Amino acid sequence: MRTIHMSNSTEHNFYSSNTPMAQSGAGYLFKGFELIRLKGIRRFVFIPLLINLILFSCAFYFLFLELEHYMTTLMGWLPSWLDWLSTVLWPLAVITILVIFSFLFSTAANWLAAPFNGLLSEKIESILIGKAAPSGSMLDVVKDTPRTLAREWTKLAYYIPRAIGFFILMWILPVIGQVIWFLFVAWMMAVQYKDYPFDNHKVPFPVMKQALKQHQGLSYSFGITVAVFSMIPIVNLVIMPVAICGATALWVDHYREDLLSKAISHS
């Protein structure tokens, strides 16, 4: 049985075989709130947290100033004979705008923080499996930057054509379109954050997608929870490093052993 041995007495064993750290994707995000407080990872958290803090503060300040204008414009598109729908569409439109802004700025934050996010995931994984942690030096960040940015480009190429299609659908099909868009955003949140430990182990992007599809319930539960928390002021400022920690715990429990054993058998 694999058990973690912590050097600090205040820390405890998080992982052993056959004992998952959480029972759902949402549970793994909440586990991330616990993992982010561990000693030894604060310096790995600082830069992703700072980037997220700056971008989301600017985003929601701008959204607060412009929300009424956007809502008036959206309601202006509604035919007069459908005015009775405004009561229903108003909250849906607010949620839609929040989801769009949250996802766009999450994407930007992840681009800027990608090399540091990879290091954070690597550090959390080393704690969870009881192995030596990476040094986390700036040299490591510089060395990993080309690979991590290439991976972000791959995710962006996967995202853009689907986002365009679902975005159009969102305006063509009221209510249903918004639900489909939200589920798409949830899936992309799962792809974005769960990919960091996969990428650290050089698992190809198509293999990662297939692995996520094999655990769709976990992926959607995790992604939906991240999407919801990304819309909550204050909480969204820390969601990026929390989601990385939770996604890495999910990787350790459900993907690591299987994918790494397959990689060894094919080498």
Protein backbone atom coordinates (compact mmCIF):
# COMPACT_ATOMS: atom_id res chain seq x y z
CA MET A 1 0.00 0.00 0.00
CA ARG A 2 1.33 3.41 -0.96
CA THR A 3 1.28 5.84 1.91
CA ILE A 4 2.58 9.38 2.20
CA HIS A 5 5.07 10.12 4.94
CA MET A 6 5.04 13.76 5.97
CA SER A 7 7.98 15.33 7.72
CA ASN A 8 5.83 17.87 9.54
CA SER A 9 3.80 16.50 12.43
CA THR A 10 0.88 18.83 11.71
CA GLU A 11 0.43 17.29 8.28
CA HIS A 12 -1.19 13.94 7.70
CA ASN A 13 -1.36 11.21 5.11
CA PHE A 14 -3.62 12.23 2.26
CA TYR A 15 -3.38 9.23 0.02
CA SER A 16 -3.15 5.49 0.16
CA SER A 17 -4.18 2.98 -2.46
CA ASN A 18 -7.88 2.09 -2.55
CA THR A 19 -8.69 5.17 -0.46
CA PRO A 20 -9.67 8.10 -2.70
CA MET A 21 -9.24 11.55 -1.24
CA ALA A 22 -12.77 12.56 -2.31
CA GLN A 23 -15.92 10.92 -3.61
CA SER A 24 -16.79 13.37 -6.39
CA GLY A 25 -15.25 15.98 -8.65
CA ALA A 26 -16.69 18.70 -6.41
CA GLY A 27 -15.08 16.97 -3.43
CA TYR A 28 -11.67 17.19 -5.09
CA LEU A 29 -12.05 20.95 -5.50
CA PHE A 30 -12.83 21.26 -1.79
CA LYS A 31 -9.77 19.06 -1.12
CA GLY A 32 -7.81 21.69 -3.03
CA PHE A 33 -8.73 24.26 -0.36
CA GLU A 34 -7.13 21.93 2.17
CA LEU A 35 -4.03 21.16 0.11
CA ILE A 36 -3.31 24.81 -0.66
CA ARG A 37 -2.69 25.45 3.04
CA LEU A 38 0.10 22.87 3.35
CA LYS A 39 3.48 24.20 4.37
CA GLY A 40 6.09 24.07 1.66
CA ILE A 41 3.84 25.03 -1.25
CA ARG A 42 3.18 28.68 -0.46
CA ARG A 43 5.93 29.95 -2.75
CA PHE A 44 4.49 27.82 -5.57
CA VAL A 45 1.05 29.33 -4.95
CA PHE A 46 2.13 32.98 -4.71
CA ILE A 47 2.62 33.85 -8.41
CA PRO A 48 -0.52 32.05 -9.73
CA LEU A 49 -2.47 33.66 -6.91
CA LEU A 50 -1.09 37.12 -7.68
CA ILE A 51 -1.87 36.80 -11.40
CA ASN A 52 -5.39 35.59 -10.66
CA LEU A 53 -5.91 38.38 -8.13
CA ILE A 54 -4.93 41.12 -10.58
CA LEU A 55 -6.91 39.79 -13.55
CA PHE A 56 -10.10 38.93 -11.71
CA SER A 57 -10.07 42.19 -9.77
CA CYS A 58 -9.87 44.12 -13.05
CA ALA A 59 -12.46 41.88 -14.73
CA PHE A 60 -15.11 42.18 -12.06
CA TYR A 61 -14.52 45.89 -11.57
CA PHE A 62 -15.10 46.38 -15.30
CA LEU A 63 -18.10 44.03 -15.22
CA PHE A 64 -19.63 45.92 -12.29
CA LEU A 65 -19.34 49.18 -14.21
CA GLU A 66 -20.70 47.81 -17.49
CA LEU A 67 -23.26 45.22 -16.36
CA GLU A 68 -26.29 47.51 -16.61
CA HIS A 69 -25.30 48.58 -20.12
CA TYR A 70 -24.90 44.97 -21.23
CA MET A 71 -28.21 43.97 -19.71
CA THR A 72 -30.07 46.85 -21.37
CA THR A 73 -28.56 45.89 -24.73
CA LEU A 74 -29.48 42.24 -24.28
CA MET A 75 -33.05 43.05 -23.31
CA GLY A 76 -33.30 45.39 -26.31
CA TRP A 77 -32.86 42.40 -28.61
CA LEU A 78 -36.01 40.83 -27.18
CA PRO A 79 -39.13 41.29 -29.39
CA SER A 80 -41.92 43.31 -27.77
CA TRP A 81 -44.31 40.35 -27.75
CA LEU A 82 -41.78 38.46 -25.62
CA ASP A 83 -41.45 41.19 -22.97
CA TRP A 84 -42.99 38.80 -20.45
CA LEU A 85 -39.86 36.65 -20.78
CA SER A 86 -37.63 39.43 -19.40
CA THR A 87 -38.23 38.24 -15.84
CA VAL A 88 -36.80 34.84 -16.77
CA LEU A 89 -34.10 36.03 -19.14
CA TRP A 90 -32.68 38.71 -16.84
CA PRO A 91 -31.16 36.30 -14.27
CA LEU A 92 -30.12 33.91 -17.05
CA ALA A 93 -28.40 36.76 -18.89
CA VAL A 94 -26.58 37.84 -15.71
CA ILE A 95 -25.39 34.28 -15.13
CA THR A 96 -24.35 33.96 -18.78
CA ILE A 97 -22.30 37.16 -18.64
CA LEU A 98 -20.67 36.03 -15.39
CA VAL A 99 -19.81 32.64 -16.89
CA ILE A 100 -18.34 34.22 -20.04
CA PHE A 101 -16.26 36.75 -18.11
CA SER A 102 -15.09 34.15 -15.60
CA PHE A 103 -13.99 31.73 -18.29
CA LEU A 104 -12.28 34.36 -20.45
CA PHE A 105 -10.28 35.77 -17.58
CA SER A 106 -9.53 32.28 -16.21
CA THR A 107 -8.10 31.42 -19.62
CA ALA A 108 -5.96 34.56 -19.65
CA ALA A 109 -4.75 33.92 -16.10
CA ASN A 110 -3.84 30.33 -16.91
CA TRP A 111 -1.86 31.44 -19.94
CA LEU A 112 0.19 33.88 -17.91
CA ALA A 113 0.70 31.52 -15.00
CA ALA A 114 1.08 28.24 -16.95
CA PRO A 115 4.73 27.48 -16.03
CA PHE A 116 4.09 28.26 -12.36
CA ASN A 117 0.87 26.22 -12.39
CA GLY A 118 2.80 23.22 -13.63
CA LEU A 119 5.29 23.59 -10.79
CA LEU A 120 2.48 23.85 -8.25
CA SER A 121 0.90 20.67 -9.58
CA GLU A 122 4.25 18.90 -9.50
CA LYS A 123 4.85 19.95 -5.90
CA ILE A 124 1.39 18.83 -4.75
CA GLU A 125 1.81 15.48 -6.50
CA SER A 126 5.17 14.91 -4.84
CA ILE A 127 3.55 15.48 -1.44
CA LEU A 128 0.64 13.18 -2.21
CA ILE A 129 2.81 10.28 -3.36
CA GLY A 130 5.57 10.84 -0.80
CA LYS A 131 8.43 11.54 -3.21
CA ALA A 132 11.05 14.27 -3.38
CA ALA A 133 9.63 17.62 -4.37
CA PRO A 134 10.95 19.74 -7.27
CA SER A 135 13.23 22.65 -6.45
CA GLY A 136 10.87 25.16 -8.04
CA SER A 137 13.66 27.51 -9.10
CA MET A 138 13.27 30.21 -11.74
CA LEU A 139 15.50 28.09 -13.98
CA ASP A 140 12.88 25.33 -13.83
CA VAL A 141 10.22 27.86 -14.81
CA VAL A 142 12.27 29.13 -17.76
CA LYS A 143 13.04 25.61 -18.96
CA ASP A 144 9.39 24.57 -18.82
CA THR A 145 7.93 27.72 -20.39
CA PRO A 146 8.16 26.63 -24.09
CA ARG A 147 6.52 23.27 -23.35
CA THR A 148 3.77 24.68 -21.13
CA LEU A 149 2.92 27.46 -23.59
CA ALA A 150 2.82 24.95 -26.45
CA ARG A 151 0.35 22.92 -24.42
CA GLU A 152 -1.76 26.03 -23.79
CA TRP A 153 -1.84 26.63 -27.55
CA THR A 154 -3.08 23.07 -28.03
CA LYS A 155 -5.88 23.66 -25.53
CA LEU A 156 -6.73 26.97 -27.19
CA ALA A 157 -6.96 25.29 -30.62
CA TYR A 158 -9.30 22.72 -29.08
CA TYR A 159 -11.38 25.40 -27.39
CA ILE A 160 -11.88 28.15 -29.99
CA PRO A 161 -13.90 26.36 -32.72
CA ARG A 162 -16.15 24.69 -30.13
CA ALA A 163 -16.59 27.95 -28.21
CA ILE A 164 -17.70 29.76 -31.38
CA GLY A 165 -20.29 27.09 -32.14
CA PHE A 166 -21.67 26.89 -28.60
CA PHE A 167 -21.64 30.69 -28.26
CA ILE A 168 -23.82 31.06 -31.37
CA LEU A 169 -26.08 28.30 -30.11
CA MET A 170 -26.41 30.10 -26.79
CA TRP A 171 -28.10 33.09 -28.49
CA ILE A 172 -30.18 31.02 -30.90
CA LEU A 173 -31.71 28.79 -28.23
CA PRO A 174 -32.71 30.77 -25.11
CA VAL A 175 -32.33 28.87 -21.84
CA ILE A 176 -31.26 25.60 -23.51
CA GLY A 177 -28.37 27.38 -25.23
CA GLN A 178 -27.23 28.91 -21.93
CA VAL A 179 -27.29 25.50 -20.23
CA ILE A 180 -25.27 23.94 -23.07
CA TRP A 181 -22.78 26.82 -22.91
CA PHE A 182 -22.37 26.40 -19.16
CA LEU A 183 -21.75 22.65 -19.56
CA PHE A 184 -19.16 23.42 -22.23
CA VAL A 185 -17.44 25.90 -19.90
CA ALA A 186 -17.50 23.28 -17.13
CA TRP A 187 -15.88 20.73 -19.46
CA MET A 188 -13.18 23.24 -20.44
CA MET A 189 -12.52 24.07 -16.78
CA ALA A 190 -11.92 20.35 -16.19
CA VAL A 191 -9.65 20.14 -19.24
CA GLN A 192 -7.73 23.26 -18.23
CA TYR A 193 -6.93 22.30 -14.65
CA LYS A 194 -6.75 18.52 -14.87
CA ASP A 195 -4.28 18.82 -17.74
CA TYR A 196 -1.44 20.20 -15.60
CA PRO A 197 -0.42 16.88 -13.98
CA PHE A 198 -0.95 15.09 -17.33
CA ASP A 199 1.35 17.57 -19.04
CA ASN A 200 3.95 17.28 -16.28
CA HIS A 201 4.22 13.58 -17.19
CA LYS A 202 4.28 14.31 -20.95
CA VAL A 203 0.92 12.60 -21.49
CA PRO A 204 -0.27 13.66 -24.99
CA PHE A 205 -3.30 15.94 -25.15
CA PRO A 206 -5.52 13.40 -27.03
CA VAL A 207 -4.72 10.74 -24.41
CA MET A 208 -5.61 13.20 -21.65
CA LYS A 209 -8.96 14.00 -23.29
CA GLN A 210 -9.78 10.31 -23.63
CA ALA A 211 -8.90 9.71 -19.97
CA LEU A 212 -11.22 12.54 -18.90
CA LYS A 213 -14.05 11.16 -21.03
CA GLN A 214 -13.69 7.79 -19.29
CA HIS A 215 -14.46 9.58 -16.01
CA GLN A 216 -17.02 12.07 -17.34
CA GLY A 217 -18.94 12.25 -14.08
CA LEU A 218 -15.82 13.28 -12.17
CA SER A 219 -14.80 15.70 -14.92
CA TYR A 220 -18.15 17.48 -15.13
CA SER A 221 -18.63 17.56 -11.36
CA PHE A 222 -15.17 19.09 -10.95
CA GLY A 223 -15.59 21.51 -13.87
CA ILE A 224 -19.06 22.68 -12.82
CA THR A 225 -17.86 23.38 -9.29
CA VAL A 226 -14.84 25.33 -10.57
CA ALA A 227 -17.08 27.32 -12.95
CA VAL A 228 -19.50 28.21 -10.15
CA PHE A 229 -16.72 29.23 -7.75
CA SER A 230 -15.13 31.32 -10.51
CA MET A 231 -18.26 33.48 -10.56
CA ILE A 232 -18.19 34.21 -6.82
CA PRO A 233 -16.38 37.44 -5.90
CA ILE A 234 -13.41 37.02 -3.52
CA VAL A 235 -13.48 33.21 -3.91
CA ASN A 236 -12.60 33.53 -7.60
CA LEU A 237 -9.38 35.27 -6.60
CA VAL A 238 -7.97 32.03 -5.18
CA ILE A 239 -9.74 29.50 -7.38
CA MET A 240 -6.86 28.91 -9.81
CA PRO A 241 -4.31 27.46 -7.37
CA VAL A 242 -7.08 25.68 -5.46
CA ALA A 243 -8.34 24.03 -8.66
CA ILE A 244 -4.80 22.97 -9.58
CA CYS A 245 -4.34 21.31 -6.19
CA GLY A 246 -7.72 19.57 -6.43
CA ALA A 247 -7.12 18.44 -10.01
CA THR A 248 -3.73 17.03 -9.05
CA ALA A 249 -5.30 15.04 -6.22
CA LEU A 250 -7.82 13.73 -8.74
CA TRP A 251 -4.95 12.73 -11.05
CA VAL A 252 -3.22 10.81 -8.26
CA ASP A 253 -6.39 8.93 -7.35
CA HIS A 254 -7.84 8.11 -10.75
CA TYR A 255 -5.31 8.49 -13.57
CA ARG A 256 -1.68 8.36 -12.46
CA GLU A 257 -1.13 4.67 -11.84
CA ASP A 258 -2.94 3.51 -14.96
CA LEU A 259 -1.40 5.99 -17.40
CA LEU A 260 2.14 5.77 -16.05
CA SER A 261 2.05 1.95 -16.03
CA LYS A 262 0.89 2.02 -19.67
CA ALA A 263 3.72 4.43 -20.55
CA ILE A 264 6.24 2.08 -18.94
CA SER A 265 4.84 -0.99 -20.73
CA HIS A 266 5.08 0.79 -24.11
CA SER A 267 8.58 2.11 -23.54
